[in-house]
Amino acid sequence: MLGITLKQEAEELRKFVAAQLTDIRTEVRNAVDVRTTFSPHITIPAPATDSQLPELEARIKAAVSGAFASHGLKPPVATPPALRVSDDVSFLFATRYHIEQEIRRIVSSRELTPASRRPLPIFQLSRMLAEAGLIEPGLEHAIREVYAVCSPAVHGESVSDAQVAFAKDVGPELVAALRAIS
């Protein structure tokens, strides 16, 4: 009789410990389950279609007029001067533009990305090309470095003479290498 009672109590204790162990595993899993999520506070809208541009233009002109009025200013009567950038900024922009254009051409010709309205970031595309064996890891790294040097100028930040010289030295060769990939 004592053996049966002891055996039943041991079985109940085993079930209790198993249930506690399951609870602990669940809590640990919940505590350790870290996911990388990107939730930007500001989303950049996709470009308007050509048919939407006239209405968008009217809304923007109204917003600009409203901004002048809210600051107590009168809109300029004369046509504003043409927008210009320095030759260095223009070169950095052109380098980045051609890098992107060539990478997107390669990705598109290999049908590596799903069709979407928004383009994928260039670093993601270059990583895809490297993983697919279409470009060497060293070339992917070069793309990242040249792109990073050119980006501040594209975003209106100042650039140094050394950055411009670097881009002029390696940018055209990098673009040529990408153009050679069919």
C-alpha atoms as a PDB file:
ATOM      1  CA  MET A   1       0.000   0.000   0.000  1.00  0.00           C
ATOM      2  CA  LEU A   2       2.839   2.372   0.887  1.00  0.00           C
ATOM      3  CA  GLY A   3       4.547   1.550  -2.424  1.00  0.00           C
ATOM      4  CA  ILE A   4       1.420   2.366  -4.465  1.00  0.00           C
ATOM      5  CA  THR A   5       0.859   5.683  -2.671  1.00  0.00           C
ATOM      6  CA  LEU A   6       4.500   6.610  -3.078  1.00  0.00           C
ATOM      7  CA  LYS A   7       4.364   5.680  -6.764  1.00  0.00           C
ATOM      8  CA  GLN A   8       1.217   7.847  -7.300  1.00  0.00           C
ATOM      9  CA  GLU A   9       2.804  10.777  -5.476  1.00  0.00           C
ATOM     10  CA  ALA A  10       5.974  10.392  -7.548  1.00  0.00           C
ATOM     11  CA  GLU A  11       3.874  10.381 -10.753  1.00  0.00           C
ATOM     12  CA  GLU A  12       1.990  13.530  -9.648  1.00  0.00           C
ATOM     13  CA  LEU A  13       5.290  15.196  -8.770  1.00  0.00           C
ATOM     14  CA  ARG A  14       6.699  14.257 -12.213  1.00  0.00           C
ATOM     15  CA  LYS A  15       3.641  15.768 -13.944  1.00  0.00           C
ATOM     16  CA  PHE A  16       3.910  18.902 -11.795  1.00  0.00           C
ATOM     17  CA  VAL A  17       7.621  19.324 -12.619  1.00  0.00           C
ATOM     18  CA  ALA A  18       6.938  18.735 -16.334  1.00  0.00           C
ATOM     19  CA  ALA A  19       4.211  21.413 -16.298  1.00  0.00           C
ATOM     20  CA  GLN A  20       6.511  23.841 -14.478  1.00  0.00           C
ATOM     21  CA  LEU A  21       9.313  23.107 -16.943  1.00  0.00           C
ATOM     22  CA  THR A  22       6.959  23.826 -19.858  1.00  0.00           C
ATOM     23  CA  ASP A  23       5.945  27.129 -18.242  1.00  0.00           C
ATOM     24  CA  ILE A  24       9.599  28.089 -17.718  1.00  0.00           C
ATOM     25  CA  ARG A  25      10.452  27.249 -21.349  1.00  0.00           C
ATOM     26  CA  THR A  26       7.562  29.393 -22.564  1.00  0.00           C
ATOM     27  CA  GLU A  27       8.631  32.316 -20.388  1.00  0.00           C
ATOM     28  CA  VAL A  28      12.238  32.039 -21.536  1.00  0.00           C
ATOM     29  CA  ARG A  29      11.152  31.828 -25.168  1.00  0.00           C
ATOM     30  CA  ASN A  30       8.990  34.933 -24.754  1.00  0.00           C
ATOM     31  CA  ALA A  31      11.774  36.804 -22.990  1.00  0.00           C
ATOM     32  CA  VAL A  32      14.421  35.879 -25.563  1.00  0.00           C
ATOM     33  CA  ASP A  33      12.256  36.152 -28.681  1.00  0.00           C
ATOM     34  CA  VAL A  34      13.715  39.390 -30.025  1.00  0.00           C
ATOM     35  CA  ARG A  35      12.645  40.348 -33.493  1.00  0.00           C
ATOM     36  CA  THR A  36      14.067  43.027 -35.681  1.00  0.00           C
ATOM     37  CA  THR A  37      11.237  45.267 -36.769  1.00  0.00           C
ATOM     38  CA  PHE A  38      11.392  48.469 -38.670  1.00  0.00           C
ATOM     39  CA  SER A  39       8.600  50.850 -37.910  1.00  0.00           C
ATOM     40  CA  PRO A  40       9.441  54.254 -39.261  1.00  0.00           C
ATOM     41  CA  HIS A  41       7.631  57.213 -37.811  1.00  0.00           C
ATOM     42  CA  ILE A  42       7.515  58.861 -41.197  1.00  0.00           C
ATOM     43  CA  THR A  43       6.840  56.949 -44.346  1.00  0.00           C
ATOM     44  CA  ILE A  44       7.868  58.334 -47.688  1.00  0.00           C
ATOM     45  CA  PRO A  45       5.041  57.926 -50.153  1.00  0.00           C
ATOM     46  CA  ALA A  46       5.503  56.164 -53.449  1.00  0.00           C
ATOM     47  CA  PRO A  47       5.836  58.566 -56.382  1.00  0.00           C
ATOM     48  CA  ALA A  48       2.579  59.783 -57.893  1.00  0.00           C
ATOM     49  CA  THR A  49       1.532  58.397 -61.238  1.00  0.00           C
ATOM     50  CA  ASP A  50       1.678  60.699 -64.267  1.00  0.00           C
ATOM     51  CA  SER A  51      -2.100  61.063 -64.222  1.00  0.00           C
ATOM     52  CA  GLN A  52      -1.983  62.227 -60.574  1.00  0.00           C
ATOM     53  CA  LEU A  53       0.690  64.880 -61.167  1.00  0.00           C
ATOM     54  CA  PRO A  54      -1.597  67.793 -62.246  1.00  0.00           C
ATOM     55  CA  GLU A  55      -3.736  67.477 -59.106  1.00  0.00           C
ATOM     56  CA  LEU A  56      -0.625  67.052 -56.962  1.00  0.00           C
ATOM     57  CA  GLU A  57       0.945  70.143 -58.548  1.00  0.00           C
ATOM     58  CA  ALA A  58      -2.149  72.203 -57.694  1.00  0.00           C
ATOM     59  CA  ARG A  59      -2.086  70.993 -54.069  1.00  0.00           C
ATOM     60  CA  ILE A  60       1.626  71.777 -53.715  1.00  0.00           C
ATOM     61  CA  LYS A  61       1.227  75.264 -55.176  1.00  0.00           C
ATOM     62  CA  ALA A  62      -1.654  75.898 -52.763  1.00  0.00           C
ATOM     63  CA  ALA A  63       0.488  74.646 -49.846  1.00  0.00           C
ATOM     64  CA  VAL A  64       3.375  76.926 -50.874  1.00  0.00           C
ATOM     65  CA  SER A  65       1.041  79.922 -51.190  1.00  0.00           C
ATOM     66  CA  GLY A  66      -0.431  79.076 -47.798  1.00  0.00           C
ATOM     67  CA  ALA A  67       3.059  78.899 -46.273  1.00  0.00           C
ATOM     68  CA  PHE A  68       3.933  82.348 -47.642  1.00  0.00           C
ATOM     69  CA  ALA A  69       0.624  83.732 -46.330  1.00  0.00           C
ATOM     70  CA  SER A  70       1.003  82.181 -42.866  1.00  0.00           C
ATOM     71  CA  HIS A  71       4.410  83.872 -42.499  1.00  0.00           C
ATOM     72  CA  GLY A  72       3.051  87.193 -43.740  1.00  0.00           C
ATOM     73  CA  LEU A  73       5.143  87.064 -46.925  1.00  0.00           C
ATOM     74  CA  LYS A  74       4.206  87.688 -50.516  1.00  0.00           C
ATOM     75  CA  PRO A  75       5.192  85.100 -53.102  1.00  0.00           C
ATOM     76  CA  PRO A  76       7.971  86.270 -55.417  1.00  0.00           C
ATOM     77  CA  VAL A  77       6.675  87.816 -58.629  1.00  0.00           C
ATOM     78  CA  ALA A  78       9.705  86.920 -60.730  1.00  0.00           C
ATOM     79  CA  THR A  79      10.544  83.385 -61.728  1.00  0.00           C
ATOM     80  CA  PRO A  80      12.818  81.858 -59.088  1.00  0.00           C
ATOM     81  CA  PRO A  81      16.401  81.245 -60.159  1.00  0.00           C
ATOM     82  CA  ALA A  82      17.280  77.882 -61.639  1.00  0.00           C
ATOM     83  CA  LEU A  83      18.295  75.277 -59.107  1.00  0.00           C
ATOM     84  CA  ARG A  84      21.995  74.527 -59.335  1.00  0.00           C
ATOM     85  CA  VAL A  85      24.537  72.377 -57.572  1.00  0.00           C
ATOM     86  CA  SER A  86      28.317  72.403 -57.680  1.00  0.00           C
ATOM     87  CA  ASP A  87      30.174  70.237 -60.179  1.00  0.00           C
ATOM     88  CA  ASP A  88      31.441  68.083 -57.299  1.00  0.00           C
ATOM     89  CA  VAL A  89      27.934  67.416 -55.984  1.00  0.00           C
ATOM     90  CA  SER A  90      26.770  66.750 -59.525  1.00  0.00           C
ATOM     91  CA  PHE A  91      29.585  64.214 -59.999  1.00  0.00           C
ATOM     92  CA  LEU A  92      28.813  62.465 -56.693  1.00  0.00           C
ATOM     93  CA  PHE A  93      25.135  62.327 -57.576  1.00  0.00           C
ATOM     94  CA  ALA A  94      25.909  60.957 -61.044  1.00  0.00           C
ATOM     95  CA  THR A  95      28.197  58.301 -59.584  1.00  0.00           C
ATOM     96  CA  ARG A  96      25.578  57.112 -57.125  1.00  0.00           C
ATOM     97  CA  TYR A  97      22.879  57.276 -59.792  1.00  0.00           C
ATOM     98  CA  HIS A  98      24.842  55.098 -62.215  1.00  0.00           C
ATOM     99  CA  ILE A  99      25.732  52.580 -59.491  1.00  0.00           C
ATOM    100  CA  GLU A 100      22.043  52.235 -58.645  1.00  0.00           C
ATOM    101  CA  GLN A 101      21.023  52.092 -62.280  1.00  0.00           C
ATOM    102  CA  GLU A 102      23.468  49.282 -63.054  1.00  0.00           C
ATOM    103  CA  ILE A 103      22.612  47.245 -59.957  1.00  0.00           C
ATOM    104  CA  ARG A 104      18.890  47.557 -60.696  1.00  0.00           C
ATOM    105  CA  ARG A 105      19.553  46.539 -64.313  1.00  0.00           C
ATOM    106  CA  ILE A 106      21.409  43.404 -63.222  1.00  0.00           C
ATOM    107  CA  VAL A 107      18.756  42.477 -60.657  1.00  0.00           C
ATOM    108  CA  SER A 108      15.966  43.091 -63.156  1.00  0.00           C
ATOM    109  CA  SER A 109      17.633  41.081 -65.923  1.00  0.00           C
ATOM    110  CA  ARG A 110      17.998  38.132 -63.532  1.00  0.00           C
ATOM    111  CA  GLU A 111      14.465  38.579 -62.156  1.00  0.00           C
ATOM    112  CA  LEU A 112      15.744  38.386 -58.578  1.00  0.00           C
ATOM    113  CA  THR A 113      13.182  40.635 -56.918  1.00  0.00           C
ATOM    114  CA  PRO A 114       9.413  40.505 -56.791  1.00  0.00           C
ATOM    115  CA  ALA A 115       7.573  43.277 -58.575  1.00  0.00           C
ATOM    116  CA  SER A 116       6.698  46.036 -56.154  1.00  0.00           C
ATOM    117  CA  ARG A 117       5.794  49.660 -56.366  1.00  0.00           C
ATOM    118  CA  ARG A 118       8.671  50.736 -54.129  1.00  0.00           C
ATOM    119  CA  PRO A 119      12.259  49.976 -55.081  1.00  0.00           C
ATOM    120  CA  LEU A 120      14.365  47.910 -52.719  1.00  0.00           C
ATOM    121  CA  PRO A 121      17.342  49.604 -51.038  1.00  0.00           C
ATOM    122  CA  ILE A 122      20.575  49.377 -52.999  1.00  0.00           C
ATOM    123  CA  PHE A 123      22.432  47.596 -50.177  1.00  0.00           C
ATOM    124  CA  GLN A 124      19.783  44.878 -50.128  1.00  0.00           C
ATOM    125  CA  LEU A 125      20.056  44.483 -53.891  1.00  0.00           C
ATOM    126  CA  SER A 126      23.851  44.309 -53.855  1.00  0.00           C
ATOM    127  CA  ARG A 127      23.693  41.693 -51.078  1.00  0.00           C
ATOM    128  CA  MET A 128      21.243  39.673 -53.194  1.00  0.00           C
ATOM    129  CA  LEU A 129      23.639  39.832 -56.148  1.00  0.00           C
ATOM    130  CA  ALA A 130      26.548  38.672 -53.988  1.00  0.00           C
ATOM    131  CA  GLU A 131      24.525  35.841 -52.467  1.00  0.00           C
ATOM    132  CA  ALA A 132      23.468  34.757 -55.966  1.00  0.00           C
ATOM    133  CA  GLY A 133      27.132  34.710 -57.014  1.00  0.00           C
ATOM    134  CA  LEU A 134      26.617  37.408 -59.642  1.00  0.00           C
ATOM    135  CA  ILE A 135      29.096  39.788 -58.024  1.00  0.00           C
ATOM    136  CA  GLU A 136      32.048  39.084 -55.777  1.00  0.00           C
ATOM    137  CA  PRO A 137      31.876  39.996 -52.076  1.00  0.00           C
ATOM    138  CA  GLY A 138      34.706  42.489 -52.647  1.00  0.00           C
ATOM    139  CA  LEU A 139      32.660  44.234 -55.320  1.00  0.00           C
ATOM    140  CA  GLU A 140      29.655  44.342 -52.994  1.00  0.00           C
ATOM    141  CA  HIS A 141      31.855  45.983 -50.358  1.00  0.00           C
ATOM    142  CA  ALA A 142      33.151  48.475 -52.943  1.00  0.00           C
ATOM    143  CA  ILE A 143      29.569  49.371 -53.903  1.00  0.00           C
ATOM    144  CA  ARG A 144      28.726  50.052 -50.261  1.00  0.00           C
ATOM    145  CA  GLU A 145      31.805  52.221 -49.716  1.00  0.00           C
ATOM    146  CA  VAL A 146      31.451  54.356 -52.852  1.00  0.00           C
ATOM    147  CA  TYR A 147      27.710  54.704 -52.316  1.00  0.00           C
ATOM    148  CA  ALA A 148      28.326  55.827 -48.716  1.00  0.00           C
ATOM    149  CA  VAL A 149      30.837  58.464 -49.830  1.00  0.00           C
ATOM    150  CA  CYS A 150      28.448  59.819 -52.488  1.00  0.00           C
ATOM    151  CA  SER A 151      25.303  59.836 -50.323  1.00  0.00           C
ATOM    152  CA  PRO A 152      25.989  62.903 -48.148  1.00  0.00           C
ATOM    153  CA  ALA A 153      26.130  65.135 -51.241  1.00  0.00           C
ATOM    154  CA  VAL A 154      22.843  63.684 -52.505  1.00  0.00           C
ATOM    155  CA  HIS A 155      21.253  64.516 -49.157  1.00  0.00           C
ATOM    156  CA  GLY A 156      22.459  68.099 -49.103  1.00  0.00           C
ATOM    157  CA  GLU A 157      25.327  67.578 -46.678  1.00  0.00           C
ATOM    158  CA  SER A 158      28.791  69.002 -47.253  1.00  0.00           C
ATOM    159  CA  VAL A 159      31.519  66.801 -48.691  1.00  0.00           C
ATOM    160  CA  SER A 160      35.279  67.093 -48.492  1.00  0.00           C
ATOM    161  CA  ASP A 161      37.732  67.408 -51.361  1.00  0.00           C
ATOM    162  CA  ALA A 162      39.117  64.003 -50.361  1.00  0.00           C
ATOM    163  CA  GLN A 163      35.663  62.403 -50.734  1.00  0.00           C
ATOM    164  CA  VAL A 164      35.226  63.930 -54.180  1.00  0.00           C
ATOM    165  CA  ALA A 165      38.734  62.834 -55.227  1.00  0.00           C
ATOM    166  CA  PHE A 166      38.038  59.306 -53.938  1.00  0.00           C
ATOM    167  CA  ALA A 167      34.785  59.079 -55.916  1.00  0.00           C
ATOM    168  CA  LYS A 168      36.480  60.407 -59.055  1.00  0.00           C
ATOM    169  CA  ASP A 169      39.281  57.844 -58.684  1.00  0.00           C
ATOM    170  CA  VAL A 170      37.134  54.751 -58.143  1.00  0.00           C
ATOM    171  CA  GLY A 171      33.551  55.616 -59.180  1.00  0.00           C
ATOM    172  CA  PRO A 172      33.929  55.380 -62.961  1.00  0.00           C
ATOM    173  CA  GLU A 173      35.799  52.062 -62.686  1.00  0.00           C
ATOM    174  CA  LEU A 174      33.135  50.634 -60.376  1.00  0.00           C
ATOM    175  CA  VAL A 175      30.355  51.666 -62.743  1.00  0.00           C
ATOM    176  CA  ALA A 176      32.303  50.164 -65.677  1.00  0.00           C
ATOM    177  CA  ALA A 177      32.674  46.885 -63.793  1.00  0.00           C
ATOM    178  CA  LEU A 178      28.934  46.790 -63.096  1.00  0.00           C
ATOM    179  CA  ARG A 179      28.148  47.590 -66.744  1.00  0.00           C
ATOM    180  CA  ALA A 180      30.278  44.620 -67.798  1.00  0.00           C
ATOM    181  CA  ILE A 181      28.006  42.246 -65.886  1.00  0.00           C
ATOM    182  CA  SER A 182      25.269  41.003 -68.180  1.00  0.00           C
END
